Amino acid sequence: MSTQDFINLAYIAASILFVFGIKMLGSAHTARRGNLLSSVGMLLAIVVTLLASDLHYGYIVAGLVVGTFIGVLAAKMVKMTAMPELVALFNGFGGLASLLVAWVEFEKNHHNQTSLPLFTAFAVSLAVLIGGITFTGSLQAWGKLSGKISGRAILIPGQTAFSVLLVTAIVACIVLFIAAPLLSLEVSFVLYIFLALVVLALILGVIGVLPIGGGDMPVVIALLNSCSGLAAAAAGFVIYNNVLIVAGCLVGCSGLILTIIMCKAMNRSLGNVLFSGFGAVTQSSDGEVSGEMKAASIEDAYYVLESARSVVIVPGYGMAVAQANTRSRNWVTYWKPMAAKCAMPFTRWLDACRAT
């Protein structure tokens, strides 16, 4: 068996672990094992890739040490209620990593004064575009969820026209970048086109998330998770890495499915969440509230519940974090004190019998 055959087999094994890991994430009972299984698959893919490459391992080890330290620190310090914004940060840095991979591949050819093949140039453009949008959009989502910036949906004057011009400029940059060899463009001019594409992608990420309110950020984070996977898949095509393509496609598809499910749960379409500016402040600044407020006491709530035919209790994320489910509580923290409390009358009766 040749070295390349061994690498391909290891990539297939890692891909299988990814698939089974994502499958196990569908149940709360197997989610931890699924997360561990996917992590093992990614570790296998990284180790095989590094062993098969002629790279400077000093920088790689340093990056692994720093990344491990940051990951452990985040896992220990970040509260469970802050997990959504942490996921947003992870999505953003994943998109940034894909952008940097595409940038490095472009710099190689730019340094050698050579042009990228058409397909590689297309993959570089997609990695830069999706990665840039994911990075700045995720940073905004993190800021809105964590309270660092206002969670309101903000519509700037002329935003629609500006967005159309921005998308048109991005499409023009991508077309010029891909067709640079056919148009015989100078290498320096191609560099300016690439840098312009990077800047425009970062701006589009900001403009895209700006008119979305903080209440819709979980949907946006799921969509950006999908975008980070697509950016990774595009980066895999750039560097011809099979396992990166597979992992990116899995993340992209699963994130998109999760986005659609969340939109259906909210009884809204994805287009309405992204483009309607839902929650944007369009009222006057006097803060006048329209409508009639009705006060309700405990007794009123009791009568309402008593006359209701059916009641649906939907636990929020805080209750999920607090493990508001008896099946998720272990013996030490829940069942043992509960058993002792229930057995207290029987214990008192035994003590009384012994005393007599």
Protein backbone atom coordinates (compact mmCIF):
# COMPACT_ATOMS: atom_id res chain seq x y z
CA MET A 1 0.00 0.00 0.00
CA SER A 2 1.37 3.38 -1.03
CA THR A 3 1.44 6.45 1.17
CA GLN A 4 -1.34 8.12 -0.82
CA ASP A 5 -3.57 5.05 -0.45
CA PHE A 6 -3.03 5.10 3.32
CA ILE A 7 -3.90 8.81 3.44
CA ASN A 8 -7.10 8.25 1.45
CA LEU A 9 -8.14 5.37 3.71
CA ALA A 10 -7.52 7.53 6.78
CA TYR A 11 -9.61 10.30 5.23
CA ILE A 12 -12.44 7.83 4.56
CA ALA A 13 -12.29 6.64 8.17
CA ALA A 14 -12.37 10.24 9.41
CA SER A 15 -15.35 11.01 7.17
CA ILE A 16 -17.22 7.98 8.54
CA LEU A 17 -16.54 9.18 12.08
CA PHE A 18 -17.89 12.63 11.11
CA VAL A 19 -21.11 11.13 9.76
CA PHE A 20 -21.74 8.91 12.77
CA GLY A 21 -20.81 11.75 15.14
CA ILE A 22 -23.35 14.10 13.59
CA LYS A 23 -25.95 11.32 13.66
CA MET A 24 -25.38 10.81 17.39
CA LEU A 25 -25.80 14.53 18.04
CA GLY A 26 -29.51 14.09 17.27
CA SER A 27 -30.17 12.60 20.70
CA ALA A 28 -29.37 14.07 24.10
CA HIS A 29 -28.30 10.63 25.37
CA THR A 30 -25.67 10.13 22.64
CA ALA A 31 -24.63 13.74 21.99
CA ARG A 32 -21.48 13.55 24.12
CA ARG A 33 -20.32 10.38 22.41
CA GLY A 34 -21.09 11.92 19.03
CA ASN A 35 -19.06 15.00 19.85
CA LEU A 36 -16.16 12.82 20.99
CA LEU A 37 -16.43 10.65 17.88
CA SER A 38 -16.31 13.67 15.57
CA SER A 39 -13.34 15.06 17.50
CA VAL A 40 -11.46 11.78 17.07
CA GLY A 41 -12.20 11.88 13.34
CA MET A 42 -10.86 15.42 13.06
CA LEU A 43 -7.75 14.50 15.07
CA LEU A 44 -7.12 11.56 12.75
CA ALA A 45 -7.48 13.76 9.68
CA ILE A 46 -5.12 16.42 11.08
CA VAL A 47 -2.45 13.90 12.12
CA VAL A 48 -2.48 12.12 8.75
CA THR A 49 -2.35 15.42 6.86
CA LEU A 50 0.60 16.69 8.89
CA LEU A 51 2.55 13.43 8.61
CA ALA A 52 2.12 13.41 4.85
CA SER A 53 3.24 17.01 4.38
CA ASP A 54 6.64 18.62 4.32
CA LEU A 55 5.85 21.43 6.74
CA HIS A 56 7.56 23.39 9.50
CA TYR A 57 6.32 21.52 12.54
CA GLY A 58 7.48 24.16 15.03
CA TYR A 59 4.75 26.57 14.00
CA ILE A 60 2.21 23.75 13.91
CA VAL A 61 3.01 22.61 17.44
CA ALA A 62 2.90 26.20 18.67
CA GLY A 63 -0.50 26.67 17.06
CA LEU A 64 -1.78 23.45 18.61
CA VAL A 65 -0.60 24.49 22.06
CA VAL A 66 -2.10 27.97 21.84
CA GLY A 67 -5.36 26.67 20.38
CA THR A 68 -5.67 23.97 23.03
CA PHE A 69 -5.08 26.52 25.78
CA ILE A 70 -7.74 28.85 24.39
CA GLY A 71 -10.21 25.98 23.94
CA VAL A 72 -9.74 24.67 27.48
CA LEU A 73 -9.99 28.18 28.89
CA ALA A 74 -13.20 28.85 26.98
CA ALA A 75 -14.70 25.52 28.08
CA LYS A 76 -13.94 26.24 31.75
CA MET A 77 -14.90 29.92 31.91
CA VAL A 78 -17.84 30.30 29.52
CA LYS A 79 -21.25 29.58 31.07
CA MET A 80 -23.75 27.30 29.39
CA THR A 81 -26.11 30.22 28.85
CA ALA A 82 -23.33 31.91 26.85
CA MET A 83 -22.84 28.95 24.49
CA PRO A 84 -24.74 30.52 21.55
CA GLU A 85 -22.41 33.50 21.36
CA LEU A 86 -19.39 31.21 21.78
CA VAL A 87 -20.64 29.17 18.83
CA ALA A 88 -20.94 32.42 16.89
CA LEU A 89 -17.30 33.20 17.62
CA PHE A 90 -16.23 29.70 16.54
CA ASN A 91 -18.16 30.11 13.30
CA GLY A 92 -16.49 33.44 12.66
CA PHE A 93 -12.98 32.16 13.20
CA GLY A 94 -13.74 29.12 11.04
CA GLY A 95 -14.72 31.43 8.20
CA LEU A 96 -11.61 33.53 8.79
CA ALA A 97 -9.43 30.39 8.64
CA SER A 98 -10.92 29.46 5.24
CA LEU A 99 -10.33 33.00 3.99
CA LEU A 100 -6.69 32.86 5.09
CA VAL A 101 -6.17 29.45 3.43
CA ALA A 102 -7.44 30.87 0.13
CA TRP A 103 -5.29 33.97 0.62
CA VAL A 104 -2.14 31.86 1.13
CA GLU A 105 -2.84 29.88 -2.04
CA PHE A 106 -3.31 33.12 -3.97
CA GLU A 107 -0.07 34.55 -2.55
CA LYS A 108 1.86 31.48 -3.72
CA ASN A 109 0.88 32.09 -7.34
CA HIS A 110 1.20 35.85 -7.01
CA HIS A 111 4.75 35.48 -5.67
CA ASN A 112 5.66 33.17 -8.56
CA GLN A 113 4.04 35.56 -11.06
CA THR A 114 1.67 32.82 -12.24
CA SER A 115 -2.09 32.76 -12.70
CA LEU A 116 -4.47 30.46 -10.89
CA PRO A 117 -6.36 27.83 -12.91
CA LEU A 118 -9.97 28.76 -13.56
CA PHE A 119 -11.46 26.25 -11.12
CA THR A 120 -8.95 27.10 -8.39
CA ALA A 121 -9.62 30.81 -8.88
CA PHE A 122 -13.34 30.14 -8.55
CA ALA A 123 -12.78 28.14 -5.35
CA VAL A 124 -10.55 30.89 -3.94
CA SER A 125 -13.25 33.47 -4.68
CA LEU A 126 -15.91 31.41 -2.92
CA ALA A 127 -13.69 30.76 0.11
CA VAL A 128 -12.89 34.47 0.43
CA LEU A 129 -16.49 35.59 -0.08
CA ILE A 130 -18.19 33.08 2.24
CA GLY A 131 -15.37 33.20 4.80
CA GLY A 132 -15.42 37.01 4.97
CA ILE A 133 -19.21 37.15 5.33
CA THR A 134 -19.09 34.48 8.02
CA PHE A 135 -16.35 36.25 9.99
CA THR A 136 -17.85 39.73 10.29
CA GLY A 137 -21.42 38.44 10.47
CA SER A 138 -20.54 36.09 13.31
CA LEU A 139 -18.75 38.85 15.19
CA GLN A 140 -21.89 40.96 14.97
CA ALA A 141 -24.06 38.05 16.12
CA TRP A 142 -21.71 37.50 19.07
CA GLY A 143 -21.89 41.18 19.98
CA LYS A 144 -25.69 41.27 19.86
CA LEU A 145 -26.12 38.12 21.93
CA SER A 146 -23.52 39.07 24.52
CA GLY A 147 -24.82 42.63 24.86
CA LYS A 148 -21.61 44.22 23.58
CA ILE A 149 -23.64 46.02 20.93
CA SER A 150 -27.33 46.83 20.66
CA GLY A 151 -29.55 43.87 19.86
CA ARG A 152 -31.98 46.00 17.88
CA ALA A 153 -32.42 45.57 14.15
CA ILE A 154 -30.89 48.65 12.52
CA LEU A 155 -31.80 49.92 9.07
CA ILE A 156 -29.43 52.56 7.74
CA PRO A 157 -30.72 55.07 5.13
CA GLY A 158 -30.39 53.71 1.61
CA GLN A 159 -29.37 50.28 2.83
CA THR A 160 -31.18 48.41 0.05
CA ALA A 161 -29.48 50.41 -2.70
CA PHE A 162 -26.12 50.13 -0.96
CA SER A 163 -26.53 46.35 -0.61
CA VAL A 164 -27.36 46.00 -4.31
CA LEU A 165 -24.29 48.04 -5.28
CA LEU A 166 -22.15 46.02 -2.89
CA VAL A 167 -23.30 42.67 -4.32
CA THR A 168 -22.80 43.98 -7.86
CA ALA A 169 -19.24 45.04 -7.03
CA ILE A 170 -18.51 41.63 -5.48
CA VAL A 171 -19.79 39.80 -8.56
CA ALA A 172 -17.68 42.05 -10.79
CA CYS A 173 -14.57 41.37 -8.69
CA ILE A 174 -15.16 37.61 -8.81
CA VAL A 175 -15.64 37.64 -12.60
CA LEU A 176 -12.50 39.72 -13.15
CA PHE A 177 -10.49 37.57 -10.73
CA ILE A 178 -11.49 34.31 -12.43
CA ALA A 179 -11.10 35.65 -15.96
CA ALA A 180 -7.77 37.37 -15.25
CA PRO A 181 -5.71 34.88 -17.35
CA LEU A 182 -8.15 35.16 -20.26
CA LEU A 183 -8.14 38.96 -20.12
CA SER A 184 -4.33 39.09 -19.70
CA LEU A 185 -4.60 41.35 -16.66
CA GLU A 186 -1.44 42.45 -14.88
CA VAL A 187 -0.45 40.62 -11.72
CA SER A 188 -0.54 43.78 -9.63
CA PHE A 189 -4.05 44.57 -10.85
CA VAL A 190 -5.22 41.06 -9.94
CA LEU A 191 -3.84 41.64 -6.44
CA TYR A 192 -5.94 44.79 -6.11
CA ILE A 193 -9.00 42.88 -7.29
CA PHE A 194 -8.37 40.18 -4.68
CA LEU A 195 -7.93 42.70 -1.87
CA ALA A 196 -11.08 44.51 -2.97
CA LEU A 197 -12.97 41.21 -2.85
CA VAL A 198 -11.74 40.58 0.69
CA VAL A 199 -12.82 44.03 1.89
CA LEU A 200 -16.21 43.87 0.17
CA ALA A 201 -16.91 40.41 1.63
CA LEU A 202 -16.17 41.67 5.14
CA ILE A 203 -18.46 44.67 4.61
CA LEU A 204 -21.25 42.45 3.26
CA GLY A 205 -21.11 40.38 6.45
CA VAL A 206 -21.72 43.52 8.51
CA ILE A 207 -24.49 44.84 6.27
CA GLY A 208 -26.21 41.46 6.14
CA VAL A 209 -26.55 41.02 9.92
CA LEU A 210 -27.13 44.68 10.82
CA PRO A 211 -30.90 44.74 10.05
CA ILE A 212 -31.60 41.52 11.98
CA GLY A 213 -32.74 41.75 15.59
CA GLY A 214 -31.17 39.93 18.52
CA GLY A 215 -34.17 37.61 18.83
CA ASP A 216 -33.36 36.14 15.42
CA MET A 217 -29.66 35.68 16.15
CA PRO A 218 -29.96 31.90 16.84
CA VAL A 219 -31.25 31.44 13.29
CA VAL A 220 -28.47 33.65 11.95
CA ILE A 221 -25.87 31.69 13.91
CA ALA A 222 -27.17 28.41 12.46
CA LEU A 223 -26.98 29.89 8.97
CA LEU A 224 -23.48 31.24 9.57
CA ASN A 225 -22.51 27.79 10.84
CA SER A 226 -23.60 26.45 7.48
CA CYS A 227 -21.61 29.19 5.74
CA SER A 228 -18.48 28.31 7.70
CA GLY A 229 -18.82 24.73 6.47
CA LEU A 230 -19.24 25.86 2.87
CA ALA A 231 -16.19 28.10 3.22
CA ALA A 232 -14.20 25.14 4.54
CA ALA A 233 -15.36 23.00 1.61
CA ALA A 234 -14.28 25.73 -0.82
CA ALA A 235 -10.90 25.90 0.95
CA GLY A 236 -10.67 22.11 0.54
CA PHE A 237 -11.07 22.52 -3.22
CA VAL A 238 -8.39 25.21 -3.15
CA ILE A 239 -5.76 22.98 -1.51
CA TYR A 240 -7.17 19.68 -2.91
CA ASN A 241 -7.88 18.16 0.50
CA ASN A 242 -10.63 15.53 0.43
CA VAL A 243 -11.38 15.37 4.13
CA LEU A 244 -11.77 19.15 4.34
CA ILE A 245 -14.27 19.01 1.50
CA VAL A 246 -16.26 16.24 3.18
CA ALA A 247 -16.23 17.92 6.60
CA GLY A 248 -17.21 21.27 5.12
CA CYS A 249 -20.11 19.77 3.17
CA LEU A 250 -21.37 17.96 6.27
CA VAL A 251 -21.28 21.15 8.35
CA GLY A 252 -22.85 23.17 5.55
CA CYS A 253 -25.75 20.76 5.01
CA SER A 254 -26.44 20.15 8.70
CA GLY A 255 -26.32 23.88 9.47
CA LEU A 256 -28.74 24.64 6.64
CA ILE A 257 -31.16 21.93 7.80
CA LEU A 258 -31.01 23.31 11.34
CA THR A 259 -31.71 26.81 9.99
CA ILE A 260 -34.79 25.63 8.11
CA ILE A 261 -36.08 23.72 11.16
CA MET A 262 -35.66 26.81 13.36
CA CYS A 263 -37.48 29.00 10.84
CA LYS A 264 -40.38 26.55 10.69
CA ALA A 265 -40.54 26.50 14.48
CA MET A 266 -40.84 30.29 14.42
CA ASN A 267 -43.50 30.09 11.66
CA ARG A 268 -41.39 32.35 9.49
CA SER A 269 -39.42 31.93 6.29
CA LEU A 270 -35.66 32.35 6.05
CA GLY A 271 -36.14 35.26 3.67
CA ASN A 272 -38.34 37.01 6.23
CA VAL A 273 -35.68 36.60 8.91
CA LEU A 274 -32.84 37.86 6.72
CA PHE A 275 -34.42 40.59 4.61
CA SER A 276 -37.48 41.96 6.38
CA GLY A 277 -35.61 44.02 8.97
CA PHE A 278 -37.85 42.44 11.60
CA GLY A 279 -37.68 44.39 14.83
CA ALA A 280 -36.16 47.51 13.30
CA VAL A 281 -36.93 50.72 15.16
CA THR A 282 -39.16 52.82 12.90
CA GLN A 283 -41.29 54.54 15.53
CA SER A 284 -40.87 58.08 16.76
CA SER A 285 -38.40 58.83 19.51
CA ASP A 286 -41.03 59.79 22.08
CA GLY A 287 -41.31 56.12 23.13
CA GLU A 288 -45.13 56.17 23.25
CA VAL A 289 -46.61 52.69 23.68
CA SER A 290 -49.90 51.92 21.97
CA GLY A 291 -52.44 49.35 23.11
CA GLU A 292 -54.05 48.47 26.41
CA MET A 293 -52.18 46.84 29.28
CA LYS A 294 -54.05 44.36 31.46
CA ALA A 295 -52.75 43.40 34.88
CA ALA A 296 -53.20 39.79 35.94
CA SER A 297 -52.90 38.36 39.42
CA ILE A 298 -52.14 34.81 40.49
CA GLU A 299 -55.85 34.12 40.88
CA ASP A 300 -56.53 35.36 37.34
CA ALA A 301 -53.85 33.07 35.98
CA TYR A 302 -55.39 30.19 37.94
CA TYR A 303 -58.84 30.77 36.44
CA VAL A 304 -57.39 31.04 32.94
CA LEU A 305 -55.54 27.76 33.33
CA GLU A 306 -58.58 26.12 34.92
CA SER A 307 -60.80 27.00 31.97
CA ALA A 308 -58.21 26.01 29.35
CA ARG A 309 -58.76 22.75 27.50
CA SER A 310 -55.06 22.07 26.98
CA VAL A 311 -51.87 23.71 28.23
CA VAL A 312 -48.49 23.48 26.54
CA ILE A 313 -45.41 24.23 28.65
CA VAL A 314 -42.36 25.11 26.54
CA PRO A 315 -39.13 25.22 28.58
CA GLY A 316 -36.65 27.86 27.53
CA TYR A 317 -32.91 27.59 27.16
CA GLY A 318 -32.36 28.53 30.81
CA MET A 319 -34.46 25.58 31.97
CA ALA A 320 -32.57 23.30 29.59
CA VAL A 321 -29.29 24.47 31.06
CA ALA A 322 -30.69 23.93 34.56
CA GLN A 323 -31.57 20.39 33.47
CA ALA A 324 -35.28 20.82 34.21
CA ASN A 325 -35.88 17.16 33.47
CA THR A 326 -35.86 14.47 36.13
CA ARG A 327 -34.23 11.99 33.79
CA SER A 328 -31.16 14.21 33.44
CA ARG A 329 -30.58 14.49 37.19
CA ASN A 330 -28.20 12.02 38.76
CA TRP A 331 -28.56 10.18 42.07
CA VAL A 332 -26.33 12.42 44.13
CA THR A 333 -27.83 15.79 43.20
CA TYR A 334 -31.49 14.86 43.02
CA TRP A 335 -32.70 11.36 43.76
CA LYS A 336 -30.74 10.73 46.95
CA PRO A 337 -32.03 13.88 48.75
CA MET A 338 -35.51 13.17 47.40
CA ALA A 339 -35.41 9.58 48.68
CA ALA A 340 -34.23 10.76 52.10
CA LYS A 341 -37.06 13.29 52.27
CA CYS A 342 -39.68 10.69 51.34
CA ALA A 343 -38.30 8.20 53.85
CA MET A 344 -38.28 10.73 56.71
CA PRO A 345 -41.76 9.80 58.13
CA PHE A 346 -40.82 6.11 58.09
CA THR A 347 -37.52 6.91 59.83
CA ARG A 348 -39.31 8.90 62.55
CA TRP A 349 -41.74 6.00 63.11
CA LEU A 350 -38.80 3.59 63.55
CA ASP A 351 -37.19 5.95 66.04
CA ALA A 352 -40.45 6.17 68.01
CA CYS A 353 -40.74 2.37 68.12
CA ARG A 354 -37.21 2.02 69.38
CA ALA A 355 -37.84 4.62 72.10
CA THR A 356 -40.82 2.68 73.43
